Amino acid sequence: MVQSQPKILTLEEFLKLPETKPASEYLDGKIIPKPMPQGKHSRLQGELIPAINSLVKPQKIACAFPELRCTFGGRSIILEI
């Protein structure tokens, strides 16, 4: 039996796909599902985001997000604080 190779998507094709839950990342032509965070991780995010924003937002130098898709250098990844 002959197995076909999985289709490798371009970054542009990946970005046109609907978002998935959990989110997926695009690295070197491969779609990689991002693991779902656990409770401790989410709790830390919830505590860090307001603490960071209280320092940086008044100065208008930055803003912390729990997760943010960043696309550059032929990759599309989900960065966390």
PDB file of N, CA and C in Angstrom:
ATOM      1  N   MET A   1       0.843  -1.174   0.000  1.00  0.00           N
ATOM      2  CA  MET A   1       0.000   0.000   0.000  1.00  0.00           C
ATOM      3  C   MET A   1       0.895   1.245   0.000  1.00  0.00           C
ATOM      4  N   VAL A   2       0.575   2.177  -0.850  1.00  0.00           N
ATOM      5  CA  VAL A   2       1.355   3.401  -0.971  1.00  0.00           C
ATOM      6  C   VAL A   2       0.729   4.480  -0.100  1.00  0.00           C
ATOM      7  N   GLN A   3       1.553   5.087   0.741  1.00  0.00           N
ATOM      8  CA  GLN A   3       1.068   6.183   1.581  1.00  0.00           C
ATOM      9  C   GLN A   3       1.451   7.498   0.932  1.00  0.00           C
ATOM     10  N   SER A   4       0.487   8.411   0.897  1.00  0.00           N
ATOM     11  CA  SER A   4       0.790   9.721   0.333  1.00  0.00           C
ATOM     12  C   SER A   4       1.407  10.604   1.413  1.00  0.00           C
ATOM     13  N   GLN A   5       2.278  11.487   0.977  1.00  0.00           N
ATOM     14  CA  GLN A   5       2.905  12.420   1.904  1.00  0.00           C
ATOM     15  C   GLN A   5       1.883  13.476   2.307  1.00  0.00           C
ATOM     16  N   PRO A   6       1.883  13.895   3.569  1.00  0.00           N
ATOM     17  CA  PRO A   6       0.975  14.971   3.958  1.00  0.00           C
ATOM     18  C   PRO A   6       1.339  16.246   3.205  1.00  0.00           C
ATOM     19  N   LYS A   7       0.308  16.997   2.806  1.00  0.00           N
ATOM     20  CA  LYS A   7       0.527  18.242   2.066  1.00  0.00           C
ATOM     21  C   LYS A   7       1.188  19.261   2.984  1.00  0.00           C
ATOM     22  N   ILE A   8       2.252  19.858   2.495  1.00  0.00           N
ATOM     23  CA  ILE A   8       2.918  20.916   3.247  1.00  0.00           C
ATOM     24  C   ILE A   8       2.295  22.235   2.825  1.00  0.00           C
ATOM     25  N   LEU A   9       1.783  22.966   3.793  1.00  0.00           N
ATOM     26  CA  LEU A   9       1.151  24.251   3.524  1.00  0.00           C
ATOM     27  C   LEU A   9       2.182  25.366   3.530  1.00  0.00           C
ATOM     28  N   THR A  10       1.893  26.395   2.749  1.00  0.00           N
ATOM     29  CA  THR A  10       2.700  27.603   2.848  1.00  0.00           C
ATOM     30  C   THR A  10       2.198  28.392   4.048  1.00  0.00           C
ATOM     31  N   LEU A  11       2.985  29.343   4.495  1.00  0.00           N
ATOM     32  CA  LEU A  11       2.565  30.203   5.595  1.00  0.00           C
ATOM     33  C   LEU A  11       1.282  30.936   5.229  1.00  0.00           C
ATOM     34  N   GLU A  12       1.187  31.419   4.000  1.00  0.00           N
ATOM     35  CA  GLU A  12      -0.007  32.140   3.562  1.00  0.00           C
ATOM     36  C   GLU A  12      -1.243  31.249   3.627  1.00  0.00           C
ATOM     37  N   GLU A  13      -1.105  29.976   3.216  1.00  0.00           N
ATOM     38  CA  GLU A  13      -2.232  29.038   3.286  1.00  0.00           C
ATOM     39  C   GLU A  13      -2.624  28.784   4.738  1.00  0.00           C
ATOM     40  N   PHE A  14      -1.632  28.619   5.605  1.00  0.00           N
ATOM     41  CA  PHE A  14      -1.909  28.393   7.025  1.00  0.00           C
ATOM     42  C   PHE A  14      -2.691  29.559   7.622  1.00  0.00           C
ATOM     43  N   LEU A  15      -2.278  30.787   7.311  1.00  0.00           N
ATOM     44  CA  LEU A  15      -2.924  31.966   7.893  1.00  0.00           C
ATOM     45  C   LEU A  15      -4.364  32.140   7.416  1.00  0.00           C
ATOM     46  N   LYS A  16      -4.721  31.521   6.292  1.00  0.00           N
ATOM     47  CA  LYS A  16      -6.100  31.596   5.788  1.00  0.00           C
ATOM     48  C   LYS A  16      -7.012  30.566   6.454  1.00  0.00           C
ATOM     49  N   LEU A  17      -6.440  29.582   7.128  1.00  0.00           N
ATOM     50  CA  LEU A  17      -7.242  28.556   7.801  1.00  0.00           C
ATOM     51  C   LEU A  17      -7.968  29.166   8.993  1.00  0.00           C
ATOM     52  N   PRO A  18      -9.153  28.618   9.349  1.00  0.00           N
ATOM     53  CA  PRO A  18      -9.819  29.110  10.565  1.00  0.00           C
ATOM     54  C   PRO A  18      -9.000  28.745  11.801  1.00  0.00           C
ATOM     55  N   GLU A  19      -9.096  29.583  12.825  1.00  0.00           N
ATOM     56  CA  GLU A  19      -8.405  29.302  14.092  1.00  0.00           C
ATOM     57  C   GLU A  19      -8.950  28.011  14.692  1.00  0.00           C
ATOM     58  N   THR A  20      -8.103  27.289  15.368  1.00  0.00           N
ATOM     59  CA  THR A  20      -8.498  26.042  16.025  1.00  0.00           C
ATOM     60  C   THR A  20      -8.369  26.207  17.530  1.00  0.00           C
ATOM     61  N   LYS A  21      -9.024  25.314  18.265  1.00  0.00           N
ATOM     62  CA  LYS A  21      -8.884  25.282  19.720  1.00  0.00           C
ATOM     63  C   LYS A  21      -8.467  23.873  20.093  1.00  0.00           C
ATOM     64  N   PRO A  22      -7.337  23.675  20.702  1.00  0.00           N
ATOM     65  CA  PRO A  22      -6.332  24.687  20.997  1.00  0.00           C
ATOM     66  C   PRO A  22      -5.708  25.229  19.712  1.00  0.00           C
ATOM     67  N   ALA A  23      -5.102  26.386  19.823  1.00  0.00           N
ATOM     68  CA  ALA A  23      -4.490  27.043  18.669  1.00  0.00           C
ATOM     69  C   ALA A  23      -3.353  26.199  18.107  1.00  0.00           C
ATOM     70  N   SER A  24      -3.063  26.424  16.841  1.00  0.00           N
ATOM     71  CA  SER A  24      -1.942  25.740  16.192  1.00  0.00           C
ATOM     72  C   SER A  24      -0.886  26.759  15.800  1.00  0.00           C
ATOM     73  N   GLU A  25       0.339  26.281  15.716  1.00  0.00           N
ATOM     74  CA  GLU A  25       1.452  27.117  15.284  1.00  0.00           C
ATOM     75  C   GLU A  25       1.979  26.566  13.965  1.00  0.00           C
ATOM     76  N   TYR A  26       2.670  27.400  13.215  1.00  0.00           N
ATOM     77  CA  TYR A  26       3.239  27.010  11.928  1.00  0.00           C
ATOM     78  C   TYR A  26       4.750  27.174  11.994  1.00  0.00           C
ATOM     79  N   LEU A  27       5.459  26.047  11.868  1.00  0.00           N
ATOM     80  CA  LEU A  27       6.929  26.052  11.920  1.00  0.00           C
ATOM     81  C   LEU A  27       7.476  25.163  10.809  1.00  0.00           C
ATOM     82  N   ASP A  28       8.287  25.729   9.952  1.00  0.00           N
ATOM     83  CA  ASP A  28       8.966  24.961   8.902  1.00  0.00           C
ATOM     84  C   ASP A  28       8.005  24.116   8.068  1.00  0.00           C
ATOM     85  N   GLY A  29       6.862  24.702   7.690  1.00  0.00           N
ATOM     86  CA  GLY A  29       5.901  24.001   6.848  1.00  0.00           C
ATOM     87  C   GLY A  29       5.002  23.030   7.582  1.00  0.00           C
ATOM     88  N   LYS A  30       5.160  22.912   8.874  1.00  0.00           N
ATOM     89  CA  LYS A  30       4.357  21.969   9.663  1.00  0.00           C
ATOM     90  C   LYS A  30       3.407  22.719  10.584  1.00  0.00           C
ATOM     91  N   ILE A  31       2.207  22.169  10.728  1.00  0.00           N
ATOM     92  CA  ILE A  31       1.231  22.711  11.670  1.00  0.00           C
ATOM     93  C   ILE A  31       1.363  21.923  12.962  1.00  0.00           C
ATOM     94  N   ILE A  32       1.605  22.636  14.049  1.00  0.00           N
ATOM     95  CA  ILE A  32       1.837  22.001  15.345  1.00  0.00           C
ATOM     96  C   ILE A  32       0.785  22.487  16.331  1.00  0.00           C
ATOM     97  N   PRO A  33      -0.063  21.566  16.863  1.00  0.00           N
ATOM     98  CA  PRO A  33      -1.045  21.989  17.860  1.00  0.00           C
ATOM     99  C   PRO A  33      -0.350  22.456  19.136  1.00  0.00           C
ATOM    100  N   LYS A  34      -0.785  23.580  19.652  1.00  0.00           N
ATOM    101  CA  LYS A  34      -0.220  24.111  20.896  1.00  0.00           C
ATOM    102  C   LYS A  34      -0.910  23.400  22.061  1.00  0.00           C
ATOM    103  N   PRO A  35      -0.155  22.879  23.011  1.00  0.00           N
ATOM    104  CA  PRO A  35      -0.792  22.193  24.139  1.00  0.00           C
ATOM    105  C   PRO A  35      -1.630  23.158  24.977  1.00  0.00           C
ATOM    106  N   MET A  36      -2.714  22.641  25.515  1.00  0.00           N
ATOM    107  CA  MET A  36      -3.568  23.448  26.389  1.00  0.00           C
ATOM    108  C   MET A  36      -2.848  23.660  27.715  1.00  0.00           C
ATOM    109  N   PRO A  37      -2.849  24.907  28.219  1.00  0.00           N
ATOM    110  CA  PRO A  37      -2.208  25.163  29.509  1.00  0.00           C
ATOM    111  C   PRO A  37      -2.989  24.527  30.655  1.00  0.00           C
ATOM    112  N   GLN A  38      -2.298  24.233  31.721  1.00  0.00           N
ATOM    113  CA  GLN A  38      -2.922  23.663  32.908  1.00  0.00           C
ATOM    114  C   GLN A  38      -3.273  24.781  33.887  1.00  0.00           C
ATOM    115  N   GLY A  39      -3.925  24.446  34.974  1.00  0.00           N
ATOM    116  CA  GLY A  39      -4.415  25.421  35.937  1.00  0.00           C
ATOM    117  C   GLY A  39      -3.357  26.347  36.498  1.00  0.00           C
ATOM    118  N   LYS A  40      -2.216  25.804  36.903  1.00  0.00           N
ATOM    119  CA  LYS A  40      -1.163  26.631  37.500  1.00  0.00           C
ATOM    120  C   LYS A  40      -0.669  27.674  36.496  1.00  0.00           C
ATOM    121  N   HIS A  41      -0.495  27.264  35.268  1.00  0.00           N
ATOM    122  CA  HIS A  41      -0.052  28.161  34.201  1.00  0.00           C
ATOM    123  C   HIS A  41      -1.054  29.303  34.020  1.00  0.00           C
ATOM    124  N   SER A  42      -2.329  28.969  33.927  1.00  0.00           N
ATOM    125  CA  SER A  42      -3.372  29.982  33.740  1.00  0.00           C
ATOM    126  C   SER A  42      -3.453  30.923  34.937  1.00  0.00           C
ATOM    127  N   ARG A  43      -3.294  30.390  36.125  1.00  0.00           N
ATOM    128  CA  ARG A  43      -3.330  31.225  37.331  1.00  0.00           C
ATOM    129  C   ARG A  43      -2.173  32.227  37.324  1.00  0.00           C
ATOM    130  N   LEU A  44      -0.985  31.759  36.956  1.00  0.00           N
ATOM    131  CA  LEU A  44       0.170  32.660  36.880  1.00  0.00           C
ATOM    132  C   LEU A  44      -0.041  33.749  35.828  1.00  0.00           C
ATOM    133  N   GLN A  45      -0.594  33.382  34.682  1.00  0.00           N
ATOM    134  CA  GLN A  45      -0.901  34.388  33.661  1.00  0.00           C
ATOM    135  C   GLN A  45      -1.847  35.439  34.226  1.00  0.00           C
ATOM    136  N   GLY A  46      -2.880  34.980  34.916  1.00  0.00           N
ATOM    137  CA  GLY A  46      -3.865  35.890  35.489  1.00  0.00           C
ATOM    138  C   GLY A  46      -3.271  36.852  36.501  1.00  0.00           C
ATOM    139  N   GLU A  47      -2.238  36.442  37.193  1.00  0.00           N
ATOM    140  CA  GLU A  47      -1.583  37.315  38.168  1.00  0.00           C
ATOM    141  C   GLU A  47      -0.535  38.222  37.514  1.00  0.00           C
ATOM    142  N   LEU A  48       0.181  37.706  36.533  1.00  0.00           N
ATOM    143  CA  LEU A  48       1.257  38.480  35.913  1.00  0.00           C
ATOM    144  C   LEU A  48       0.759  39.592  34.990  1.00  0.00           C
ATOM    145  N   ILE A  49      -0.294  39.328  34.232  1.00  0.00           N
ATOM    146  CA  ILE A  49      -0.758  40.318  33.254  1.00  0.00           C
ATOM    147  C   ILE A  49      -1.127  41.642  33.913  1.00  0.00           C
ATOM    148  N   PRO A  50      -1.992  41.664  34.950  1.00  0.00           N
ATOM    149  CA  PRO A  50      -2.301  42.960  35.562  1.00  0.00           C
ATOM    150  C   PRO A  50      -1.081  43.614  36.216  1.00  0.00           C
ATOM    151  N   ALA A  51      -0.196  42.806  36.794  1.00  0.00           N
ATOM    152  CA  ALA A  51       1.003  43.368  37.430  1.00  0.00           C
ATOM    153  C   ALA A  51       1.893  44.053  36.390  1.00  0.00           C
ATOM    154  N   ILE A  52       2.106  43.396  35.271  1.00  0.00           N
ATOM    155  CA  ILE A  52       2.931  43.987  34.209  1.00  0.00           C
ATOM    156  C   ILE A  52       2.253  45.227  33.640  1.00  0.00           C
ATOM    157  N   ASN A  53       0.959  45.112  33.335  1.00  0.00           N
ATOM    158  CA  ASN A  53       0.250  46.245  32.735  1.00  0.00           C
ATOM    159  C   ASN A  53       0.189  47.453  33.659  1.00  0.00           C
ATOM    160  N   SER A  54       0.112  47.230  34.965  1.00  0.00           N
ATOM    161  CA  SER A  54       0.067  48.371  35.886  1.00  0.00           C
ATOM    162  C   SER A  54       1.371  49.170  35.850  1.00  0.00           C
ATOM    163  N   LEU A  55       2.461  48.524  35.456  1.00  0.00           N
ATOM    164  CA  LEU A  55       3.756  49.204  35.365  1.00  0.00           C
ATOM    165  C   LEU A  55       4.004  49.844  34.000  1.00  0.00           C
ATOM    166  N   VAL A  56       3.589  49.180  32.940  1.00  0.00           N
ATOM    167  CA  VAL A  56       3.980  49.643  31.607  1.00  0.00           C
ATOM    168  C   VAL A  56       2.921  50.462  30.874  1.00  0.00           C
ATOM    169  N   LYS A  57       1.638  50.227  31.160  1.00  0.00           N
ATOM    170  CA  LYS A  57       0.603  50.962  30.429  1.00  0.00           C
ATOM    171  C   LYS A  57       0.594  52.458  30.731  1.00  0.00           C
ATOM    172  N   PRO A  58       0.763  52.896  31.987  1.00  0.00           N
ATOM    173  CA  PRO A  58       0.770  54.341  32.235  1.00  0.00           C
ATOM    174  C   PRO A  58       1.876  55.070  31.457  1.00  0.00           C
ATOM    175  N   GLN A  59       2.977  54.389  31.234  1.00  0.00           N
ATOM    176  CA  GLN A  59       4.089  54.989  30.484  1.00  0.00           C
ATOM    177  C   GLN A  59       3.923  54.810  28.973  1.00  0.00           C
ATOM    178  N   LYS A  60       2.887  54.048  28.581  1.00  0.00           N
ATOM    179  CA  LYS A  60       2.593  53.774  27.167  1.00  0.00           C
ATOM    180  C   LYS A  60       3.792  53.157  26.445  1.00  0.00           C
ATOM    181  N   ILE A  61       4.434  52.197  27.118  1.00  0.00           N
ATOM    182  CA  ILE A  61       5.596  51.547  26.503  1.00  0.00           C
ATOM    183  C   ILE A  61       5.327  50.098  26.106  1.00  0.00           C
ATOM    184  N   ALA A  62       4.264  49.503  26.632  1.00  0.00           N
ATOM    185  CA  ALA A  62       3.979  48.105  26.316  1.00  0.00           C
ATOM    186  C   ALA A  62       2.598  47.733  26.837  1.00  0.00           C
ATOM    187  N   CYS A  63       2.185  46.522  26.495  1.00  0.00           N
ATOM    188  CA  CYS A  63       0.930  45.968  27.009  1.00  0.00           C
ATOM    189  C   CYS A  63       1.083  44.449  27.023  1.00  0.00           C
ATOM    190  N   ALA A  64       0.788  43.828  28.150  1.00  0.00           N
ATOM    191  CA  ALA A  64       0.920  42.376  28.282  1.00  0.00           C
ATOM    192  C   ALA A  64      -0.378  41.696  27.852  1.00  0.00           C
ATOM    193  N   PHE A  65      -0.251  40.615  27.102  1.00  0.00           N
ATOM    194  CA  PHE A  65      -1.377  39.796  26.663  1.00  0.00           C
ATOM    195  C   PHE A  65      -1.144  38.371  27.152  1.00  0.00           C
ATOM    196  N   PRO A  66      -2.220  37.617  27.418  1.00  0.00           N
ATOM    197  CA  PRO A  66      -2.012  36.226  27.822  1.00  0.00           C
ATOM    198  C   PRO A  66      -1.396  35.416  26.685  1.00  0.00           C
ATOM    199  N   GLU A  67      -1.884  35.621  25.463  1.00  0.00           N
ATOM    200  CA  GLU A  67      -1.343  34.958  24.285  1.00  0.00           C
ATOM    201  C   GLU A  67      -1.513  35.893  23.100  1.00  0.00           C
ATOM    202  N   LEU A  68      -0.584  35.824  22.161  1.00  0.00           N
ATOM    203  CA  LEU A  68      -0.646  36.685  20.988  1.00  0.00           C
ATOM    204  C   LEU A  68       0.019  35.966  19.823  1.00  0.00           C
ATOM    205  N   ARG A  69      -0.713  35.859  18.688  1.00  0.00           N
ATOM    206  CA  ARG A  69      -0.119  35.239  17.500  1.00  0.00           C
ATOM    207  C   ARG A  69       0.875  36.220  16.888  1.00  0.00           C
ATOM    208  N   CYS A  70       2.081  35.736  16.631  1.00  0.00           N
ATOM    209  CA  CYS A  70       3.128  36.542  16.005  1.00  0.00           C
ATOM    210  C   CYS A  70       3.609  35.801  14.759  1.00  0.00           C
ATOM    211  N   THR A  71       3.597  36.504  13.634  1.00  0.00           N
ATOM    212  CA  THR A  71       3.998  35.913  12.365  1.00  0.00           C
ATOM    213  C   THR A  71       5.187  36.691  11.821  1.00  0.00           C
ATOM    214  N   PHE A  72       6.316  36.011  11.704  1.00  0.00           N
ATOM    215  CA  PHE A  72       7.542  36.637  11.206  1.00  0.00           C
ATOM    216  C   PHE A  72       8.537  35.548  10.843  1.00  0.00           C
ATOM    217  N   GLY A  73       9.452  35.864   9.960  1.00  0.00           N
ATOM    218  CA  GLY A  73      10.505  34.911   9.605  1.00  0.00           C
ATOM    219  C   GLY A  73       9.984  33.592   9.073  1.00  0.00           C
ATOM    220  N   GLY A  74       8.832  33.608   8.388  1.00  0.00           N
ATOM    221  CA  GLY A  74       8.274  32.374   7.840  1.00  0.00           C
ATOM    222  C   GLY A  74       7.615  31.471   8.863  1.00  0.00           C
ATOM    223  N   ARG A  75       7.361  31.995  10.053  1.00  0.00           N
ATOM    224  CA  ARG A  75       6.723  31.216  11.122  1.00  0.00           C
ATOM    225  C   ARG A  75       5.513  31.958  11.656  1.00  0.00           C
ATOM    226  N   SER A  76       4.608  31.231  12.271  1.00  0.00           N
ATOM    227  CA  SER A  76       3.463  31.835  12.951  1.00  0.00           C
ATOM    228  C   SER A  76       3.296  31.091  14.270  1.00  0.00           C
ATOM    229  N   ILE A  77       3.625  31.770  15.359  1.00  0.00           N
ATOM    230  CA  ILE A  77       3.627  31.130  16.671  1.00  0.00           C
ATOM    231  C   ILE A  77       2.762  31.919  17.646  1.00  0.00           C
ATOM    232  N   ILE A  78       2.385  31.273  18.725  1.00  0.00           N
ATOM    233  CA  ILE A  78       1.614  31.911  19.781  1.00  0.00           C
ATOM    234  C   ILE A  78       2.573  32.186  20.933  1.00  0.00           C
ATOM    235  N   LEU A  79       2.847  33.463  21.158  1.00  0.00           N
ATOM    236  CA  LEU A  79       3.716  33.839  22.272  1.00  0.00           C
ATOM    237  C   LEU A  79       2.876  34.079  23.515  1.00  0.00           C
ATOM    238  N   GLU A  80       3.439  33.793  24.648  1.00  0.00           N
ATOM    239  CA  GLU A  80       2.783  34.028  25.931  1.00  0.00           C
ATOM    240  C   GLU A  80       3.631  35.001  26.730  1.00  0.00           C
ATOM    241  N   ILE A  81       3.000  35.613  27.775  1.00  0.00           N
ATOM    242  CA  ILE A  81       3.734  36.606  28.552  1.00  0.00           C
ATOM    243  C   ILE A  81       5.000  36.038  29.129  1.00  0.00           C
TER     244      ILE A  81
END
